[in-house]
Amino acid sequence: MQALNRLSVQQPGSGHGFVSPSPVDAAAVVDGAVTIQVAAIDPATESIETKLDQRLDPIPGHRGMWVAICLEFLEFAVFFAVYFSARWSHPADFAAGAAKLWTTGGVLITVAMVSSGWLLTRALRSIAQDRRATAVRWMTAALIVGALYPLTKVFEWQWNLAHGLDARAGIFVIVYWYLTINHFIHASWGLLGMAWCTARLASGSYSASDHRGLHSLATYWHATDLVWLMMFALFYAYA
């Protein structure tokens, strides 16, 4: 990687010009013309600057992921508005709704999501300490535990259908399906990202100085956790 080191103008016959004290890789000197000198940047210096930039950045991960998370929160804000509007219009249906659901399934999903989020934080701590092998183990554990969410959710859907909780079961069940399916889609994206980041971590793509991709993944998963905790309270506990 090269950077422009010096730009000087030399007058014909003057013998004067601006001289750079630093070493250069190439120089073109022509009387009466622009003289350009280019110097190479030391890779070690570049690595230190990259690390410093990351430490000075108060936002963990990539900014694009934070934009995506804000959009996700905006999307679920609309969904929760639908929930509270329906609850306001049909209080009796929502008061009796929680007893119809498979509460054990909701608890298992909560444990799986929160536990996998904690395992992700352990993986981040390990890679920050340059312990790649340990970080890979934590990431693999997070992926396995997180995968319990879709497995449990599919089983819960089958349980719901077996107990008549379909679109004909009333407004509470309709809103429940509407929100939980949308959350399932977002969590599935997170699991795919977790699998991708695990593979990249194992291949050496992340280091102690640059693991912003893992930060982005963990931030997204924690945001998805937060949304689920709200849904668990509204459907399984509070309703």
C-alpha atoms as a PDB file:
ATOM      1  CA  MET A   1       0.000   0.000   0.000  1.00  0.00           C
ATOM      2  CA  GLN A   2       1.458   3.321  -0.998  1.00  0.00           C
ATOM      3  CA  ALA A   3       0.660   6.899  -0.071  1.00  0.00           C
ATOM      4  CA  LEU A   4       1.603  10.234  -1.531  1.00  0.00           C
ATOM      5  CA  ASN A   5       4.583  11.425   0.449  1.00  0.00           C
ATOM      6  CA  ARG A   6       5.733  14.678  -1.173  1.00  0.00           C
ATOM      7  CA  LEU A   7       4.596  17.094  -3.824  1.00  0.00           C
ATOM      8  CA  SER A   8       7.155  19.745  -4.817  1.00  0.00           C
ATOM      9  CA  VAL A   9       7.658  22.282  -7.556  1.00  0.00           C
ATOM     10  CA  GLN A  10      11.145  23.107  -8.787  1.00  0.00           C
ATOM     11  CA  GLN A  11      11.875  26.290 -10.753  1.00  0.00           C
ATOM     12  CA  PRO A  12      14.160  26.038 -13.803  1.00  0.00           C
ATOM     13  CA  GLY A  13      17.721  26.856 -12.877  1.00  0.00           C
ATOM     14  CA  SER A  14      16.821  27.802  -9.313  1.00  0.00           C
ATOM     15  CA  GLY A  15      18.202  24.682  -7.738  1.00  0.00           C
ATOM     16  CA  HIS A  16      15.711  25.065  -4.941  1.00  0.00           C
ATOM     17  CA  GLY A  17      12.854  22.840  -4.016  1.00  0.00           C
ATOM     18  CA  PHE A  18      11.193  21.144  -1.074  1.00  0.00           C
ATOM     19  CA  VAL A  19      13.142  18.110   0.105  1.00  0.00           C
ATOM     20  CA  SER A  20      11.541  15.288   2.068  1.00  0.00           C
ATOM     21  CA  PRO A  21      13.670  13.800   4.841  1.00  0.00           C
ATOM     22  CA  SER A  22      11.823  10.463   4.644  1.00  0.00           C
ATOM     23  CA  PRO A  23      12.942   7.579   2.380  1.00  0.00           C
ATOM     24  CA  VAL A  24      11.083   7.161  -0.865  1.00  0.00           C
ATOM     25  CA  ASP A  25      10.353   4.315  -3.221  1.00  0.00           C
ATOM     26  CA  ALA A  26      10.251   6.299  -6.447  1.00  0.00           C
ATOM     27  CA  ALA A  27      10.855   9.880  -7.580  1.00  0.00           C
ATOM     28  CA  ALA A  28      10.422  11.695 -10.850  1.00  0.00           C
ATOM     29  CA  VAL A  29      12.341  14.955 -11.149  1.00  0.00           C
ATOM     30  CA  VAL A  30      12.022  17.143 -14.217  1.00  0.00           C
ATOM     31  CA  ASP A  31      13.089  20.813 -14.361  1.00  0.00           C
ATOM     32  CA  GLY A  32      10.080  23.077 -14.335  1.00  0.00           C
ATOM     33  CA  ALA A  33       7.690  20.183 -13.663  1.00  0.00           C
ATOM     34  CA  VAL A  34       6.003  18.726 -10.629  1.00  0.00           C
ATOM     35  CA  THR A  35       8.101  16.286  -8.651  1.00  0.00           C
ATOM     36  CA  ILE A  36       6.142  13.455  -6.981  1.00  0.00           C
ATOM     37  CA  GLN A  37       7.651  11.087  -4.465  1.00  0.00           C
ATOM     38  CA  VAL A  38       5.830   8.087  -3.055  1.00  0.00           C
ATOM     39  CA  ALA A  39       6.647   6.164   0.110  1.00  0.00           C
ATOM     40  CA  ALA A  40       5.401   2.823   1.308  1.00  0.00           C
ATOM     41  CA  ILE A  41       3.517   2.526   4.594  1.00  0.00           C
ATOM     42  CA  ASP A  42       4.931   0.061   7.080  1.00  0.00           C
ATOM     43  CA  PRO A  43       2.396  -2.818   7.532  1.00  0.00           C
ATOM     44  CA  ALA A  44       3.121  -2.870  11.256  1.00  0.00           C
ATOM     45  CA  THR A  45       2.305   0.832  11.526  1.00  0.00           C
ATOM     46  CA  GLU A  46      -0.862   0.309   9.526  1.00  0.00           C
ATOM     47  CA  SER A  47      -1.939  -2.505  11.886  1.00  0.00           C
ATOM     48  CA  ILE A  48      -1.328  -0.300  14.920  1.00  0.00           C
ATOM     49  CA  GLU A  49      -3.343   2.524  13.356  1.00  0.00           C
ATOM     50  CA  THR A  50      -6.203   0.129  12.569  1.00  0.00           C
ATOM     51  CA  LYS A  51      -6.229  -1.122  16.151  1.00  0.00           C
ATOM     52  CA  LEU A  52      -6.171   2.448  17.465  1.00  0.00           C
ATOM     53  CA  ASP A  53      -9.074   3.436  15.203  1.00  0.00           C
ATOM     54  CA  GLN A  54     -11.122   0.520  16.566  1.00  0.00           C
ATOM     55  CA  ARG A  55     -10.358   1.425  20.174  1.00  0.00           C
ATOM     56  CA  LEU A  56     -11.344   5.033  19.594  1.00  0.00           C
ATOM     57  CA  ASP A  57     -14.617   4.005  17.924  1.00  0.00           C
ATOM     58  CA  PRO A  58     -17.287   3.941  20.660  1.00  0.00           C
ATOM     59  CA  ILE A  59     -19.621   1.783  18.551  1.00  0.00           C
ATOM     60  CA  PRO A  60     -18.853  -1.963  18.628  1.00  0.00           C
ATOM     61  CA  GLY A  61     -19.090  -3.771  15.316  1.00  0.00           C
ATOM     62  CA  HIS A  62     -19.981  -2.277  11.968  1.00  0.00           C
ATOM     63  CA  ARG A  63     -22.219   0.775  11.756  1.00  0.00           C
ATOM     64  CA  GLY A  64     -24.274  -0.887   9.039  1.00  0.00           C
ATOM     65  CA  MET A  65     -25.362  -3.542  11.530  1.00  0.00           C
ATOM     66  CA  TRP A  66     -26.574  -0.851  13.912  1.00  0.00           C
ATOM     67  CA  VAL A  67     -28.668   0.608  11.095  1.00  0.00           C
ATOM     68  CA  ALA A  68     -30.160  -2.849  10.522  1.00  0.00           C
ATOM     69  CA  ILE A  69     -30.904  -3.239  14.240  1.00  0.00           C
ATOM     70  CA  CYS A  70     -32.643   0.149  14.366  1.00  0.00           C
ATOM     71  CA  LEU A  71     -34.763  -0.899  11.396  1.00  0.00           C
ATOM     72  CA  GLU A  72     -35.559  -4.188  13.141  1.00  0.00           C
ATOM     73  CA  PHE A  73     -36.688  -2.335  16.254  1.00  0.00           C
ATOM     74  CA  LEU A  74     -38.798  -0.028  14.102  1.00  0.00           C
ATOM     75  CA  GLU A  75     -40.394  -3.039  12.429  1.00  0.00           C
ATOM     76  CA  PHE A  76     -41.247  -4.703  15.731  1.00  0.00           C
ATOM     77  CA  ALA A  77     -42.521  -1.412  17.108  1.00  0.00           C
ATOM     78  CA  VAL A  78     -45.171  -1.616  14.388  1.00  0.00           C
ATOM     79  CA  PHE A  79     -45.870  -5.250  15.332  1.00  0.00           C
ATOM     80  CA  PHE A  80     -46.254  -4.354  18.997  1.00  0.00           C
ATOM     81  CA  ALA A  81     -48.598  -1.532  18.003  1.00  0.00           C
ATOM     82  CA  VAL A  82     -50.720  -4.182  16.292  1.00  0.00           C
ATOM     83  CA  TYR A  83     -50.574  -6.277  19.462  1.00  0.00           C
ATOM     84  CA  PHE A  84     -51.715  -3.501  21.778  1.00  0.00           C
ATOM     85  CA  SER A  85     -54.393  -2.346  19.349  1.00  0.00           C
ATOM     86  CA  ALA A  86     -55.825  -5.866  19.222  1.00  0.00           C
ATOM     87  CA  ARG A  87     -55.520  -6.228  22.985  1.00  0.00           C
ATOM     88  CA  TRP A  88     -57.374  -2.955  23.497  1.00  0.00           C
ATOM     89  CA  SER A  89     -60.186  -4.095  21.226  1.00  0.00           C
ATOM     90  CA  HIS A  90     -60.383  -7.689  22.538  1.00  0.00           C
ATOM     91  CA  PRO A  91     -59.331  -7.670  26.219  1.00  0.00           C
ATOM     92  CA  ALA A  92     -61.143 -10.908  27.105  1.00  0.00           C
ATOM     93  CA  ASP A  93     -59.434 -12.900  24.330  1.00  0.00           C
ATOM     94  CA  PHE A  94     -56.004 -11.712  25.399  1.00  0.00           C
ATOM     95  CA  ALA A  95     -56.698 -12.273  29.094  1.00  0.00           C
ATOM     96  CA  ALA A  96     -57.424 -15.933  28.374  1.00  0.00           C
ATOM     97  CA  GLY A  97     -54.800 -16.343  25.669  1.00  0.00           C
ATOM     98  CA  ALA A  98     -51.659 -17.190  27.663  1.00  0.00           C
ATOM     99  CA  ALA A  99     -53.264 -20.290  29.164  1.00  0.00           C
ATOM    100  CA  LYS A 100     -53.732 -21.709  25.648  1.00  0.00           C
ATOM    101  CA  LEU A 101     -50.058 -21.604  24.712  1.00  0.00           C
ATOM    102  CA  TRP A 102     -47.324 -24.133  25.423  1.00  0.00           C
ATOM    103  CA  THR A 103     -45.545 -22.213  28.178  1.00  0.00           C
ATOM    104  CA  THR A 104     -42.750 -24.767  28.502  1.00  0.00           C
ATOM    105  CA  GLY A 105     -41.837 -24.178  24.878  1.00  0.00           C
ATOM    106  CA  GLY A 106     -41.654 -20.430  25.459  1.00  0.00           C
ATOM    107  CA  VAL A 107     -39.376 -20.940  28.467  1.00  0.00           C
ATOM    108  CA  LEU A 108     -37.086 -23.301  26.511  1.00  0.00           C
ATOM    109  CA  ILE A 109     -36.760 -20.771  23.692  1.00  0.00           C
ATOM    110  CA  THR A 110     -35.942 -18.013  26.180  1.00  0.00           C
ATOM    111  CA  VAL A 111     -33.248 -20.119  27.832  1.00  0.00           C
ATOM    112  CA  ALA A 112     -31.758 -21.082  24.449  1.00  0.00           C
ATOM    113  CA  MET A 113     -31.575 -17.514  23.159  1.00  0.00           C
ATOM    114  CA  VAL A 114     -30.212 -15.932  26.333  1.00  0.00           C
ATOM    115  CA  SER A 115     -27.689 -18.737  26.846  1.00  0.00           C
ATOM    116  CA  SER A 116     -26.411 -18.549  23.275  1.00  0.00           C
ATOM    117  CA  GLY A 117     -26.043 -14.790  23.674  1.00  0.00           C
ATOM    118  CA  TRP A 118     -23.915 -15.324  26.781  1.00  0.00           C
ATOM    119  CA  LEU A 119     -21.774 -17.862  24.917  1.00  0.00           C
ATOM    120  CA  LEU A 120     -21.199 -15.286  22.186  1.00  0.00           C
ATOM    121  CA  THR A 121     -19.829 -12.844  24.752  1.00  0.00           C
ATOM    122  CA  ARG A 122     -17.381 -15.529  25.903  1.00  0.00           C
ATOM    123  CA  ALA A 123     -16.248 -16.043  22.321  1.00  0.00           C
ATOM    124  CA  LEU A 124     -15.674 -12.298  21.936  1.00  0.00           C
ATOM    125  CA  ARG A 125     -13.663 -12.187  25.138  1.00  0.00           C
ATOM    126  CA  SER A 126     -11.507 -15.105  23.987  1.00  0.00           C
ATOM    127  CA  ILE A 127     -10.704 -13.696  20.537  1.00  0.00           C
ATOM    128  CA  ALA A 128      -9.926 -10.303  22.108  1.00  0.00           C
ATOM    129  CA  GLN A 129      -7.322 -12.132  24.211  1.00  0.00           C
ATOM    130  CA  ASP A 130      -5.974 -13.820  21.066  1.00  0.00           C
ATOM    131  CA  ARG A 131      -7.190 -17.271  22.146  1.00  0.00           C
ATOM    132  CA  ARG A 132      -8.604 -18.405  18.824  1.00  0.00           C
ATOM    133  CA  ALA A 133      -9.110 -22.084  19.645  1.00  0.00           C
ATOM    134  CA  THR A 134     -11.081 -21.204  22.787  1.00  0.00           C
ATOM    135  CA  ALA A 135     -13.122 -18.652  20.851  1.00  0.00           C
ATOM    136  CA  VAL A 136     -14.020 -21.284  18.233  1.00  0.00           C
ATOM    137  CA  ARG A 137     -15.264 -23.610  20.969  1.00  0.00           C
ATOM    138  CA  TRP A 138     -17.425 -20.866  22.499  1.00  0.00           C
ATOM    139  CA  MET A 139     -18.812 -19.936  19.076  1.00  0.00           C
ATOM    140  CA  THR A 140     -19.632 -23.553  18.277  1.00  0.00           C
ATOM    141  CA  ALA A 141     -21.413 -23.923  21.599  1.00  0.00           C
ATOM    142  CA  ALA A 142     -23.358 -20.704  20.945  1.00  0.00           C
ATOM    143  CA  LEU A 143     -24.441 -22.017  17.535  1.00  0.00           C
ATOM    144  CA  ILE A 144     -25.558 -25.375  18.934  1.00  0.00           C
ATOM    145  CA  VAL A 145     -27.504 -23.815  21.803  1.00  0.00           C
ATOM    146  CA  GLY A 146     -28.992 -21.177  19.512  1.00  0.00           C
ATOM    147  CA  ALA A 147     -30.145 -23.898  17.112  1.00  0.00           C
ATOM    148  CA  LEU A 148     -32.404 -25.198  19.876  1.00  0.00           C
ATOM    149  CA  TYR A 149     -34.616 -22.173  19.217  1.00  0.00           C
ATOM    150  CA  PRO A 150     -35.868 -23.161  15.729  1.00  0.00           C
ATOM    151  CA  LEU A 151     -36.106 -26.810  16.766  1.00  0.00           C
ATOM    152  CA  THR A 152     -38.230 -25.932  19.785  1.00  0.00           C
ATOM    153  CA  LYS A 153     -40.284 -23.469  17.745  1.00  0.00           C
ATOM    154  CA  VAL A 154     -41.156 -26.040  15.087  1.00  0.00           C
ATOM    155  CA  PHE A 155     -42.202 -28.484  17.797  1.00  0.00           C
ATOM    156  CA  GLU A 156     -44.270 -25.735  19.433  1.00  0.00           C
ATOM    157  CA  TRP A 157     -46.040 -25.000  16.157  1.00  0.00           C
ATOM    158  CA  GLN A 158     -46.956 -28.664  15.830  1.00  0.00           C
ATOM    159  CA  TRP A 159     -48.229 -28.623  19.413  1.00  0.00           C
ATOM    160  CA  ASN A 160     -50.333 -25.547  18.676  1.00  0.00           C
ATOM    161  CA  LEU A 161     -51.928 -27.094  15.601  1.00  0.00           C
ATOM    162  CA  ALA A 162     -52.633 -30.305  17.499  1.00  0.00           C
ATOM    163  CA  HIS A 163     -54.491 -28.241  20.117  1.00  0.00           C
ATOM    164  CA  GLY A 164     -56.486 -26.223  17.600  1.00  0.00           C
ATOM    165  CA  LEU A 165     -54.436 -23.008  17.837  1.00  0.00           C
ATOM    166  CA  ASP A 166     -54.723 -21.974  14.212  1.00  0.00           C
ATOM    167  CA  ALA A 167     -56.108 -18.931  12.390  1.00  0.00           C
ATOM    168  CA  ARG A 168     -59.643 -19.873  13.481  1.00  0.00           C
ATOM    169  CA  ALA A 169     -58.774 -19.819  17.192  1.00  0.00           C
ATOM    170  CA  GLY A 170     -59.347 -16.093  17.697  1.00  0.00           C
ATOM    171  CA  ILE A 171     -57.567 -12.764  17.538  1.00  0.00           C
ATOM    172  CA  PHE A 172     -55.019 -13.592  20.253  1.00  0.00           C
ATOM    173  CA  VAL A 173     -53.713 -16.629  18.389  1.00  0.00           C
ATOM    174  CA  ILE A 174     -53.633 -14.736  15.076  1.00  0.00           C
ATOM    175  CA  VAL A 175     -51.488 -11.970  16.580  1.00  0.00           C
ATOM    176  CA  TYR A 176     -49.333 -14.586  18.293  1.00  0.00           C
ATOM    177  CA  TRP A 177     -48.603 -16.329  14.975  1.00  0.00           C
ATOM    178  CA  TYR A 178     -48.005 -12.996  13.259  1.00  0.00           C
ATOM    179  CA  LEU A 179     -45.346 -11.812  15.693  1.00  0.00           C
ATOM    180  CA  THR A 180     -43.643 -15.120  16.448  1.00  0.00           C
ATOM    181  CA  ILE A 181     -43.205 -16.065  12.775  1.00  0.00           C
ATOM    182  CA  ASN A 182     -41.604 -12.691  12.066  1.00  0.00           C
ATOM    183  CA  HIS A 183     -39.277 -13.112  15.029  1.00  0.00           C
ATOM    184  CA  PHE A 184     -38.446 -16.639  13.870  1.00  0.00           C
ATOM    185  CA  ILE A 185     -37.291 -15.198  10.527  1.00  0.00           C
ATOM    186  CA  HIS A 186     -35.024 -12.649  12.218  1.00  0.00           C
ATOM    187  CA  ALA A 187     -33.570 -15.261  14.576  1.00  0.00           C
ATOM    188  CA  SER A 188     -32.913 -17.585  11.623  1.00  0.00           C
ATOM    189  CA  TRP A 189     -30.886 -14.815   9.967  1.00  0.00           C
ATOM    190  CA  GLY A 190     -28.912 -14.524  13.190  1.00  0.00           C
ATOM    191  CA  LEU A 191     -28.213 -18.264  13.258  1.00  0.00           C
ATOM    192  CA  LEU A 192     -27.035 -18.219   9.646  1.00  0.00           C
ATOM    193  CA  GLY A 193     -24.746 -15.320  10.513  1.00  0.00           C
ATOM    194  CA  MET A 194     -23.509 -17.246  13.545  1.00  0.00           C
ATOM    195  CA  ALA A 195     -22.620 -20.243  11.373  1.00  0.00           C
ATOM    196  CA  TRP A 196     -20.815 -17.982   8.885  1.00  0.00           C
ATOM    197  CA  CYS A 197     -18.851 -16.175  11.606  1.00  0.00           C
ATOM    198  CA  THR A 198     -17.917 -19.484  13.228  1.00  0.00           C
ATOM    199  CA  ALA A 199     -16.461 -20.709   9.941  1.00  0.00           C
ATOM    200  CA  ARG A 200     -14.563 -17.452   9.417  1.00  0.00           C
ATOM    201  CA  LEU A 201     -13.239 -17.529  12.972  1.00  0.00           C
ATOM    202  CA  ALA A 202     -11.986 -21.092  12.519  1.00  0.00           C
ATOM    203  CA  SER A 203     -10.289 -20.135   9.238  1.00  0.00           C
ATOM    204  CA  GLY A 204      -8.361 -17.277  10.875  1.00  0.00           C
ATOM    205  CA  SER A 205     -10.306 -14.369   9.368  1.00  0.00           C
ATOM    206  CA  TYR A 206     -10.695 -12.694  12.772  1.00  0.00           C
ATOM    207  CA  SER A 207      -7.916 -11.605  15.089  1.00  0.00           C
ATOM    208  CA  ALA A 208      -7.464  -9.913  18.433  1.00  0.00           C
ATOM    209  CA  SER A 209      -7.033  -6.581  16.654  1.00  0.00           C
ATOM    210  CA  ASP A 210      -9.943  -6.922  14.217  1.00  0.00           C
ATOM    211  CA  HIS A 211     -13.055  -8.936  15.061  1.00  0.00           C
ATOM    212  CA  ARG A 212     -15.732  -6.380  14.294  1.00  0.00           C
ATOM    213  CA  GLY A 213     -17.728  -8.997  12.407  1.00  0.00           C
ATOM    214  CA  LEU A 214     -18.149 -10.986  15.622  1.00  0.00           C
ATOM    215  CA  HIS A 215     -19.144  -7.817  17.465  1.00  0.00           C
ATOM    216  CA  SER A 216     -21.782  -7.120  14.826  1.00  0.00           C
ATOM    217  CA  LEU A 217     -23.179 -10.645  15.082  1.00  0.00           C
ATOM    218  CA  ALA A 218     -23.329 -10.567  18.882  1.00  0.00           C
ATOM    219  CA  THR A 219     -25.035  -7.174  18.845  1.00  0.00           C
ATOM    220  CA  TYR A 220     -27.670  -8.408  16.400  1.00  0.00           C
ATOM    221  CA  TRP A 221     -28.303 -11.567  18.420  1.00  0.00           C
ATOM    222  CA  HIS A 222     -28.684  -9.602  21.655  1.00  0.00           C
ATOM    223  CA  ALA A 223     -31.170  -7.289  19.904  1.00  0.00           C
ATOM    224  CA  THR A 224     -33.145 -10.336  18.777  1.00  0.00           C
ATOM    225  CA  ASP A 225     -32.978 -11.639  22.358  1.00  0.00           C
ATOM    226  CA  LEU A 226     -34.445  -8.389  23.632  1.00  0.00           C
ATOM    227  CA  VAL A 227     -37.363  -8.579  21.215  1.00  0.00           C
ATOM    228  CA  TRP A 228     -38.072 -12.170  22.242  1.00  0.00           C
ATOM    229  CA  LEU A 229     -38.069 -11.290  25.955  1.00  0.00           C
ATOM    230  CA  MET A 230     -40.740  -8.684  25.251  1.00  0.00           C
ATOM    231  CA  MET A 231     -42.765 -11.200  23.253  1.00  0.00           C
ATOM    232  CA  PHE A 232     -42.448 -13.827  25.961  1.00  0.00           C
ATOM    233  CA  ALA A 233     -43.773 -11.383  28.525  1.00  0.00           C
ATOM    234  CA  LEU A 234     -46.671 -10.252  26.325  1.00  0.00           C
ATOM    235  CA  PHE A 235     -47.808 -13.674  25.090  1.00  0.00           C
ATOM    236  CA  TYR A 236     -46.752 -16.316  27.604  1.00  0.00           C
ATOM    237  CA  ALA A 237     -46.686 -14.425  30.901  1.00  0.00           C
ATOM    238  CA  TYR A 238     -48.573 -11.129  30.894  1.00  0.00           C
ATOM    239  CA  ALA A 239     -51.412 -11.878  28.473  1.00  0.00           C
END
